[in-house]
Amino acid sequence: MKAIKSLLLLLILFSITSCTIYDNDVEGEVDLVYSSTITIRANDFVAEDEFVSVANYGWDNLDEEMVDYGLVLGYIRFEGTTAWHALPYSIPFENDLVNMRYYFDIDDFTLVLEGEVADNNQVNANIFDGDVLRVIAIPPSEIIKTKAVDYRNYEQIKELYNIE
């Protein structure tokens, strides 16, 4: 009986902590969540080597505070569809596996395409021509930390942060 009470108490404590929103103790100057969409064009990409191509998109909402302490998310919506997919994203194409990922720095958001077949850069870039990239930047003061938030789920993030 004592073991059942202890187990019940442990479960109650666990359920309470799993729904807690944690204070991140970071005071930001800006309390806005930024969002931007970009139509990807194949000619945006420049080959870095025989496997990797990059496309740089300047974005002045990425300041030092956002880069160091904020949360920057990337999603892709394929032309003719309504679903958003979180980056990084991999797609098989013919005899290649193409990975789209991103990195960011102050005033810059960069898409990276990486294939497994050498000298396939232009073909890989053509796969994403006309697709839509959505970038979301959440300042440190606005980040919601809880186990209930799936930052890979665009629809949940859109609703949680009131993104139009």
N, C-alpha and C. Protein backbone atom coordinates (compact mmCIF):
# COMPACT_ATOMS: atom_id res chain seq x y z
N MET A 1 0.82 -1.20 0.00
CA MET A 1 0.00 0.00 0.00
C MET A 1 0.87 1.26 0.00
N LYS A 2 1.96 1.21 0.78
CA LYS A 2 2.85 2.34 0.85
C LYS A 2 3.52 2.58 -0.50
N ALA A 3 3.83 1.50 -1.20
CA ALA A 3 4.47 1.61 -2.52
C ALA A 3 3.51 2.23 -3.53
N ILE A 4 2.23 1.90 -3.44
CA ILE A 4 1.23 2.46 -4.36
C ILE A 4 1.08 3.96 -4.11
N LYS A 5 1.05 4.38 -2.84
CA LYS A 5 0.95 5.80 -2.52
C LYS A 5 2.18 6.56 -3.03
N SER A 6 3.35 5.97 -2.84
CA SER A 6 4.59 6.61 -3.31
C SER A 6 4.59 6.73 -4.83
N LEU A 7 4.15 5.67 -5.50
CA LEU A 7 4.09 5.69 -6.96
C LEU A 7 3.09 6.73 -7.44
N LEU A 8 1.94 6.82 -6.80
CA LEU A 8 0.93 7.80 -7.16
C LEU A 8 1.46 9.23 -6.95
N LEU A 9 2.13 9.47 -5.85
CA LEU A 9 2.71 10.78 -5.59
C LEU A 9 3.77 11.13 -6.64
N LEU A 10 4.58 10.16 -7.00
CA LEU A 10 5.61 10.37 -8.02
C LEU A 10 4.98 10.70 -9.37
N LEU A 11 3.92 10.01 -9.74
CA LEU A 11 3.22 10.29 -11.01
C LEU A 11 2.59 11.68 -11.02
N ILE A 12 2.03 12.09 -9.91
CA ILE A 12 1.43 13.42 -9.82
C ILE A 12 2.51 14.49 -9.97
N LEU A 13 3.62 14.31 -9.28
CA LEU A 13 4.72 15.28 -9.40
C LEU A 13 5.26 15.32 -10.83
N PHE A 14 5.39 14.17 -11.45
CA PHE A 14 5.88 14.13 -12.83
C PHE A 14 4.93 14.85 -13.78
N SER A 15 3.62 14.63 -13.62
CA SER A 15 2.66 15.28 -14.52
C SER A 15 2.64 16.79 -14.32
N ILE A 16 2.88 17.26 -13.12
CA ILE A 16 2.92 18.70 -12.87
C ILE A 16 4.16 19.32 -13.52
N THR A 17 5.30 18.69 -13.40
CA THR A 17 6.53 19.25 -13.96
C THR A 17 6.57 19.14 -15.47
N SER A 18 5.89 18.17 -16.07
CA SER A 18 5.94 18.04 -17.52
C SER A 18 5.14 19.13 -18.23
N CYS A 19 4.32 19.86 -17.52
CA CYS A 19 3.52 20.93 -18.12
C CYS A 19 4.00 22.32 -17.71
N THR A 20 5.10 22.39 -17.03
CA THR A 20 5.60 23.66 -16.54
C THR A 20 6.25 24.46 -17.65
N ILE A 21 5.97 25.74 -17.70
CA ILE A 21 6.66 26.66 -18.61
C ILE A 21 7.76 27.30 -17.80
N TYR A 22 8.98 27.13 -18.28
CA TYR A 22 10.14 27.60 -17.53
C TYR A 22 10.49 29.03 -17.92
N ASP A 23 10.87 29.80 -16.94
CA ASP A 23 11.36 31.15 -17.19
C ASP A 23 12.80 31.03 -17.67
N ASN A 24 13.12 31.68 -18.79
CA ASN A 24 14.45 31.54 -19.35
C ASN A 24 15.45 32.57 -18.80
N ASP A 25 15.01 33.47 -17.95
CA ASP A 25 15.88 34.46 -17.31
C ASP A 25 16.69 35.30 -18.28
N VAL A 26 16.22 35.48 -19.49
CA VAL A 26 16.91 36.34 -20.46
C VAL A 26 15.99 37.50 -20.76
N GLU A 27 16.47 38.69 -20.55
CA GLU A 27 15.70 39.90 -20.82
C GLU A 27 16.02 40.38 -22.22
N GLY A 28 15.07 40.32 -23.11
CA GLY A 28 15.30 40.78 -24.47
C GLY A 28 14.79 42.19 -24.67
N GLU A 29 15.35 42.87 -25.65
CA GLU A 29 14.89 44.21 -25.96
C GLU A 29 13.67 44.19 -26.86
N VAL A 30 13.49 43.11 -27.59
CA VAL A 30 12.40 43.02 -28.55
C VAL A 30 11.51 41.85 -28.15
N ASP A 31 10.20 42.06 -28.14
CA ASP A 31 9.29 41.00 -27.76
C ASP A 31 8.43 40.57 -28.95
N LEU A 32 8.97 40.66 -30.14
CA LEU A 32 8.24 40.26 -31.33
C LEU A 32 8.81 38.97 -31.89
N VAL A 33 7.93 38.13 -32.42
CA VAL A 33 8.36 36.94 -33.14
C VAL A 33 8.36 37.32 -34.61
N TYR A 34 9.48 37.14 -35.26
CA TYR A 34 9.62 37.52 -36.66
C TYR A 34 9.38 36.31 -37.55
N SER A 35 8.75 36.56 -38.68
CA SER A 35 8.50 35.50 -39.64
C SER A 35 8.64 36.08 -41.04
N SER A 36 9.23 35.30 -41.92
CA SER A 36 9.42 35.75 -43.29
C SER A 36 9.31 34.55 -44.22
N THR A 37 8.73 34.77 -45.39
CA THR A 37 8.67 33.72 -46.40
C THR A 37 9.48 34.14 -47.62
N ILE A 38 10.10 33.16 -48.23
CA ILE A 38 10.94 33.38 -49.40
C ILE A 38 10.60 32.29 -50.42
N THR A 39 10.37 32.68 -51.66
CA THR A 39 10.22 31.68 -52.71
C THR A 39 11.62 31.29 -53.17
N ILE A 40 11.92 30.02 -53.06
CA ILE A 40 13.24 29.51 -53.40
C ILE A 40 13.35 29.40 -54.91
N ARG A 41 14.45 29.85 -55.46
CA ARG A 41 14.74 29.72 -56.89
C ARG A 41 16.03 28.91 -57.03
N ALA A 42 16.08 28.07 -58.03
CA ALA A 42 17.26 27.22 -58.25
C ALA A 42 18.52 28.06 -58.42
N ASN A 43 18.37 29.23 -59.04
CA ASN A 43 19.55 30.06 -59.27
C ASN A 43 20.00 30.82 -58.02
N ASP A 44 19.28 30.65 -56.88
CA ASP A 44 19.73 31.22 -55.60
C ASP A 44 20.97 30.49 -55.08
N PHE A 45 21.14 29.24 -55.50
CA PHE A 45 22.19 28.38 -54.95
C PHE A 45 23.50 28.51 -55.72
N VAL A 46 24.58 28.56 -54.96
CA VAL A 46 25.93 28.63 -55.51
C VAL A 46 26.68 27.39 -55.01
N ALA A 47 27.32 26.69 -55.93
CA ALA A 47 28.06 25.48 -55.55
C ALA A 47 29.28 25.85 -54.72
N GLU A 48 29.44 25.15 -53.58
CA GLU A 48 30.64 25.32 -52.75
C GLU A 48 31.67 24.25 -53.09
N ASP A 49 31.20 23.07 -53.42
CA ASP A 49 32.04 21.99 -53.90
C ASP A 49 31.15 21.07 -54.73
N GLU A 50 31.60 19.87 -55.04
CA GLU A 50 30.81 19.01 -55.93
C GLU A 50 29.59 18.39 -55.26
N PHE A 51 29.43 18.55 -53.95
CA PHE A 51 28.29 17.98 -53.23
C PHE A 51 27.38 19.04 -52.60
N VAL A 52 27.91 20.22 -52.28
CA VAL A 52 27.20 21.21 -51.47
C VAL A 52 26.96 22.50 -52.25
N SER A 53 25.72 23.01 -52.14
CA SER A 53 25.36 24.32 -52.67
C SER A 53 24.72 25.13 -51.56
N VAL A 54 24.91 26.45 -51.58
CA VAL A 54 24.33 27.30 -50.55
C VAL A 54 23.59 28.47 -51.19
N ALA A 55 22.56 28.93 -50.50
CA ALA A 55 21.82 30.14 -50.89
C ALA A 55 21.76 31.04 -49.67
N ASN A 56 22.30 32.24 -49.80
CA ASN A 56 22.31 33.20 -48.69
C ASN A 56 21.14 34.17 -48.85
N TYR A 57 20.40 34.33 -47.77
CA TYR A 57 19.30 35.28 -47.74
C TYR A 57 19.56 36.23 -46.57
N GLY A 58 19.82 37.48 -46.85
CA GLY A 58 20.01 38.46 -45.79
C GLY A 58 18.72 38.64 -45.01
N TRP A 59 18.84 38.76 -43.72
CA TRP A 59 17.65 38.99 -42.88
C TRP A 59 18.08 39.81 -41.68
N ASP A 60 17.73 41.09 -41.68
CA ASP A 60 18.21 42.00 -40.64
C ASP A 60 17.56 41.80 -39.27
N ASN A 61 16.59 40.89 -39.17
CA ASN A 61 16.01 40.58 -37.85
C ASN A 61 16.92 39.69 -37.02
N LEU A 62 17.95 39.17 -37.64
CA LEU A 62 18.89 38.32 -36.91
C LEU A 62 20.03 39.17 -36.37
N ASP A 63 19.81 39.71 -35.18
CA ASP A 63 20.85 40.49 -34.53
C ASP A 63 21.64 39.58 -33.59
N GLU A 64 22.58 40.15 -32.89
CA GLU A 64 23.46 39.35 -32.03
C GLU A 64 22.69 38.63 -30.93
N GLU A 65 21.72 39.30 -30.32
CA GLU A 65 20.93 38.67 -29.26
C GLU A 65 20.13 37.49 -29.80
N MET A 66 19.53 37.66 -30.98
CA MET A 66 18.73 36.59 -31.57
C MET A 66 19.62 35.39 -31.92
N VAL A 67 20.77 35.66 -32.49
CA VAL A 67 21.68 34.59 -32.90
C VAL A 67 22.22 33.84 -31.68
N ASP A 68 22.59 34.58 -30.64
CA ASP A 68 23.20 33.96 -29.47
C ASP A 68 22.20 33.29 -28.52
N TYR A 69 21.02 33.87 -28.37
CA TYR A 69 20.10 33.38 -27.34
C TYR A 69 18.70 33.04 -27.86
N GLY A 70 18.35 33.47 -29.04
CA GLY A 70 17.00 33.24 -29.57
C GLY A 70 16.87 31.88 -30.21
N LEU A 71 15.77 31.69 -30.89
CA LEU A 71 15.47 30.43 -31.57
C LEU A 71 15.11 30.76 -33.01
N VAL A 72 15.84 30.18 -33.95
CA VAL A 72 15.61 30.43 -35.37
C VAL A 72 15.21 29.10 -36.00
N LEU A 73 14.04 29.09 -36.63
CA LEU A 73 13.48 27.87 -37.20
C LEU A 73 13.29 28.03 -38.69
N GLY A 74 13.44 26.94 -39.43
CA GLY A 74 13.21 26.95 -40.86
C GLY A 74 12.23 25.86 -41.25
N TYR A 75 11.32 26.19 -42.16
CA TYR A 75 10.32 25.25 -42.66
C TYR A 75 10.25 25.39 -44.18
N ILE A 76 9.87 24.31 -44.86
CA ILE A 76 9.70 24.36 -46.30
C ILE A 76 8.32 23.83 -46.67
N ARG A 77 7.70 24.51 -47.65
CA ARG A 77 6.42 24.05 -48.20
C ARG A 77 6.65 23.83 -49.69
N PHE A 78 6.41 22.62 -50.13
CA PHE A 78 6.64 22.28 -51.53
C PHE A 78 5.55 22.88 -52.41
N GLU A 79 5.95 23.32 -53.58
CA GLU A 79 5.04 23.95 -54.52
C GLU A 79 3.83 23.05 -54.78
N GLY A 80 2.64 23.63 -54.68
CA GLY A 80 1.41 22.89 -54.92
C GLY A 80 0.88 22.14 -53.71
N THR A 81 1.53 22.30 -52.54
CA THR A 81 1.07 21.63 -51.33
C THR A 81 0.76 22.68 -50.26
N THR A 82 0.15 22.24 -49.18
CA THR A 82 -0.16 23.16 -48.08
C THR A 82 0.58 22.79 -46.80
N ALA A 83 1.28 21.66 -46.77
CA ALA A 83 1.97 21.20 -45.57
C ALA A 83 3.35 21.84 -45.45
N TRP A 84 3.72 22.19 -44.23
CA TRP A 84 5.04 22.73 -43.94
C TRP A 84 5.88 21.63 -43.30
N HIS A 85 7.14 21.52 -43.73
CA HIS A 85 8.07 20.52 -43.20
C HIS A 85 9.24 21.24 -42.54
N ALA A 86 9.59 20.79 -41.35
CA ALA A 86 10.70 21.41 -40.62
C ALA A 86 12.03 21.05 -41.27
N LEU A 87 12.95 22.00 -41.22
CA LEU A 87 14.31 21.75 -41.68
C LEU A 87 15.15 21.32 -40.48
N PRO A 88 16.10 20.43 -40.65
CA PRO A 88 16.56 19.85 -41.90
C PRO A 88 15.55 18.86 -42.48
N TYR A 89 15.63 18.69 -43.80
CA TYR A 89 14.70 17.82 -44.51
C TYR A 89 15.49 17.05 -45.57
N SER A 90 15.22 15.77 -45.68
CA SER A 90 15.88 14.93 -46.68
C SER A 90 14.85 14.41 -47.66
N ILE A 91 15.25 14.37 -48.93
CA ILE A 91 14.35 13.90 -49.96
C ILE A 91 15.13 13.01 -50.94
N PRO A 92 14.65 11.79 -51.17
CA PRO A 92 15.31 10.96 -52.18
C PRO A 92 14.93 11.46 -53.57
N PHE A 93 15.90 11.48 -54.46
CA PHE A 93 15.65 11.92 -55.83
C PHE A 93 16.53 11.11 -56.77
N GLU A 94 15.86 10.34 -57.62
CA GLU A 94 16.54 9.44 -58.56
C GLU A 94 17.57 8.62 -57.79
N ASN A 95 18.85 8.76 -58.08
CA ASN A 95 19.87 7.96 -57.39
C ASN A 95 20.58 8.75 -56.29
N ASP A 96 19.97 9.81 -55.83
CA ASP A 96 20.60 10.71 -54.86
C ASP A 96 19.69 10.88 -53.64
N LEU A 97 20.28 11.25 -52.54
CA LEU A 97 19.53 11.66 -51.35
C LEU A 97 19.96 13.10 -51.07
N VAL A 98 19.01 14.01 -51.17
CA VAL A 98 19.31 15.44 -51.04
C VAL A 98 18.87 15.91 -49.67
N ASN A 99 19.77 16.54 -48.95
CA ASN A 99 19.50 17.08 -47.62
C ASN A 99 19.47 18.59 -47.69
N MET A 100 18.39 19.18 -47.17
CA MET A 100 18.31 20.63 -47.05
C MET A 100 18.40 20.96 -45.57
N ARG A 101 19.33 21.80 -45.24
CA ARG A 101 19.51 22.26 -43.87
C ARG A 101 19.80 23.75 -43.91
N TYR A 102 20.03 24.35 -42.76
CA TYR A 102 20.29 25.78 -42.73
C TYR A 102 21.26 26.13 -41.61
N TYR A 103 21.84 27.29 -41.76
CA TYR A 103 22.57 27.90 -40.66
C TYR A 103 22.32 29.40 -40.75
N PHE A 104 22.63 30.09 -39.66
CA PHE A 104 22.34 31.52 -39.61
C PHE A 104 23.41 32.23 -38.80
N ASP A 105 23.51 33.50 -39.08
CA ASP A 105 24.42 34.39 -38.36
C ASP A 105 23.77 35.77 -38.35
N ILE A 106 24.45 36.73 -37.83
CA ILE A 106 23.90 38.09 -37.76
C ILE A 106 23.57 38.56 -39.18
N ASP A 107 22.34 38.99 -39.39
CA ASP A 107 21.83 39.50 -40.66
C ASP A 107 21.86 38.50 -41.81
N ASP A 108 21.94 37.20 -41.53
CA ASP A 108 22.05 36.23 -42.62
C ASP A 108 21.39 34.90 -42.25
N PHE A 109 20.61 34.38 -43.20
CA PHE A 109 20.04 33.04 -43.10
C PHE A 109 20.48 32.30 -44.36
N THR A 110 21.09 31.14 -44.21
CA THR A 110 21.66 30.41 -45.34
C THR A 110 21.05 29.02 -45.44
N LEU A 111 20.53 28.70 -46.63
CA LEU A 111 20.07 27.35 -46.93
C LEU A 111 21.23 26.56 -47.51
N VAL A 112 21.33 25.30 -47.13
CA VAL A 112 22.39 24.43 -47.61
C VAL A 112 21.76 23.19 -48.24
N LEU A 113 22.14 22.89 -49.47
CA LEU A 113 21.73 21.66 -50.14
C LEU A 113 22.94 20.75 -50.23
N GLU A 114 22.78 19.53 -49.79
CA GLU A 114 23.88 18.58 -49.83
C GLU A 114 23.38 17.27 -50.40
N GLY A 115 23.99 16.84 -51.49
CA GLY A 115 23.64 15.58 -52.12
C GLY A 115 24.72 14.55 -51.91
N GLU A 116 24.40 13.31 -52.26
CA GLU A 116 25.36 12.22 -52.12
C GLU A 116 26.06 11.91 -53.44
N VAL A 117 25.54 12.47 -54.53
CA VAL A 117 26.13 12.23 -55.85
C VAL A 117 26.92 13.48 -56.25
N ALA A 118 28.17 13.28 -56.64
CA ALA A 118 29.03 14.40 -57.00
C ALA A 118 28.52 15.10 -58.26
N ASP A 119 28.74 16.42 -58.30
CA ASP A 119 28.42 17.27 -59.45
C ASP A 119 26.93 17.24 -59.83
N ASN A 120 26.08 17.08 -58.83
CA ASN A 120 24.63 17.05 -59.05
C ASN A 120 23.99 18.31 -58.48
N ASN A 121 24.78 19.36 -58.25
CA ASN A 121 24.31 20.55 -57.55
C ASN A 121 23.11 21.22 -58.24
N GLN A 122 23.17 21.43 -59.53
CA GLN A 122 22.10 22.12 -60.23
C GLN A 122 20.81 21.30 -60.22
N VAL A 123 20.94 20.00 -60.42
CA VAL A 123 19.77 19.12 -60.37
C VAL A 123 19.14 19.17 -58.98
N ASN A 124 19.97 19.14 -57.95
CA ASN A 124 19.45 19.22 -56.58
C ASN A 124 18.75 20.55 -56.32
N ALA A 125 19.31 21.63 -56.81
CA ALA A 125 18.68 22.95 -56.63
C ALA A 125 17.35 23.02 -57.37
N ASN A 126 17.26 22.39 -58.53
CA ASN A 126 16.02 22.40 -59.31
C ASN A 126 14.87 21.72 -58.59
N ILE A 127 15.18 20.77 -57.71
CA ILE A 127 14.14 20.07 -56.94
C ILE A 127 13.31 21.07 -56.13
N PHE A 128 13.97 22.10 -55.60
CA PHE A 128 13.32 23.04 -54.69
C PHE A 128 12.90 24.35 -55.36
N ASP A 129 13.09 24.45 -56.66
CA ASP A 129 12.73 25.66 -57.38
C ASP A 129 11.22 25.91 -57.27
N GLY A 130 10.83 27.07 -56.77
CA GLY A 130 9.42 27.44 -56.61
C GLY A 130 8.82 27.06 -55.27
N ASP A 131 9.55 26.31 -54.46
CA ASP A 131 9.06 25.98 -53.12
C ASP A 131 9.21 27.20 -52.21
N VAL A 132 8.53 27.16 -51.09
CA VAL A 132 8.51 28.31 -50.19
C VAL A 132 9.25 27.98 -48.90
N LEU A 133 10.15 28.86 -48.53
CA LEU A 133 10.87 28.77 -47.27
C LEU A 133 10.23 29.73 -46.28
N ARG A 134 9.99 29.27 -45.08
CA ARG A 134 9.52 30.16 -44.02
C ARG A 134 10.54 30.11 -42.89
N VAL A 135 10.99 31.28 -42.49
CA VAL A 135 11.93 31.41 -41.39
C VAL A 135 11.23 32.12 -40.25
N ILE A 136 11.37 31.57 -39.06
CA ILE A 136 10.77 32.16 -37.87
C ILE A 136 11.89 32.40 -36.86
N ALA A 137 11.94 33.61 -36.32
CA ALA A 137 12.93 33.97 -35.31
C ALA A 137 12.20 34.38 -34.04
N ILE A 138 12.50 33.66 -32.97
CA ILE A 138 11.83 33.90 -31.69
C ILE A 138 12.87 34.47 -30.72
N PRO A 139 12.65 35.71 -30.25
CA PRO A 139 13.60 36.31 -29.31
C PRO A 139 13.68 35.50 -28.02
N PRO A 140 14.79 35.58 -27.31
CA PRO A 140 14.96 34.80 -26.08
C PRO A 140 13.89 35.08 -25.04
N SER A 141 13.39 36.29 -24.99
CA SER A 141 12.37 36.63 -23.99
C SER A 141 11.02 36.00 -24.30
N GLU A 142 10.84 35.49 -25.52
CA GLU A 142 9.55 34.93 -25.92
C GLU A 142 9.56 33.41 -26.06
N ILE A 143 10.70 32.77 -25.87
CA ILE A 143 10.78 31.32 -26.04
C ILE A 143 9.99 30.63 -24.94
N ILE A 144 9.12 29.74 -25.35
CA ILE A 144 8.32 28.96 -24.42
C ILE A 144 8.97 27.59 -24.32
N LYS A 145 9.39 27.25 -23.11
CA LYS A 145 10.07 25.98 -22.89
C LYS A 145 9.15 25.05 -22.13
N THR A 146 8.67 24.05 -22.81
CA THR A 146 7.83 23.04 -22.19
C THR A 146 7.91 21.79 -23.04
N LYS A 147 7.68 20.67 -22.44
CA LYS A 147 7.72 19.41 -23.18
C LYS A 147 6.56 19.31 -24.16
N ALA A 148 5.54 20.12 -23.98
CA ALA A 148 4.36 20.04 -24.83
C ALA A 148 4.54 20.75 -26.17
N VAL A 149 5.64 21.48 -26.37
CA VAL A 149 5.85 22.21 -27.61
C VAL A 149 6.77 21.41 -28.52
N ASP A 150 6.31 21.17 -29.73
CA ASP A 150 7.11 20.50 -30.75
C ASP A 150 7.50 21.55 -31.78
N TYR A 151 8.73 22.03 -31.71
CA TYR A 151 9.16 23.10 -32.60
C TYR A 151 9.33 22.64 -34.04
N ARG A 152 9.23 21.36 -34.31
CA ARG A 152 9.25 20.86 -35.69
C ARG A 152 7.85 20.92 -36.32
N ASN A 153 6.84 21.13 -35.50
CA ASN A 153 5.46 21.18 -35.97
C ASN A 153 5.08 22.63 -36.26
N TYR A 154 5.10 23.00 -37.52
CA TYR A 154 4.83 24.38 -37.91
C TYR A 154 3.47 24.88 -37.44
N GLU A 155 2.44 24.06 -37.60
CA GLU A 155 1.09 24.49 -37.22
C GLU A 155 1.01 24.80 -35.72
N GLN A 156 1.68 24.02 -34.89
CA GLN A 156 1.68 24.28 -33.46
C GLN A 156 2.41 25.59 -33.14
N ILE A 157 3.54 25.81 -33.79
CA ILE A 157 4.31 27.04 -33.56
C ILE A 157 3.55 28.26 -34.06
N LYS A 158 2.91 28.12 -35.20
CA LYS A 158 2.10 29.20 -35.76
C LYS A 158 1.00 29.62 -34.79
N GLU A 159 0.33 28.65 -34.20
CA GLU A 159 -0.75 28.95 -33.25
C GLU A 159 -0.20 29.49 -31.93
N LEU A 160 0.86 28.86 -31.43
CA LEU A 160 1.42 29.25 -30.14
C LEU A 160 1.94 30.68 -30.14
N TYR A 161 2.60 31.09 -31.25
CA TYR A 161 3.21 32.41 -31.32
C TYR A 161 2.38 33.40 -32.16
N ASN A 162 1.17 33.03 -32.51
CA ASN A 162 0.26 33.91 -33.27
C ASN A 162 0.88 34.41 -34.56
N ILE A 163 1.41 33.51 -35.36
CA ILE A 163 2.02 33.86 -36.64
C ILE A 163 0.97 33.76 -37.72
N GLU A 164 0.87 34.79 -38.53
CA GLU A 164 -0.13 34.80 -39.60
C GLU A 164 0.41 34.10 -40.83
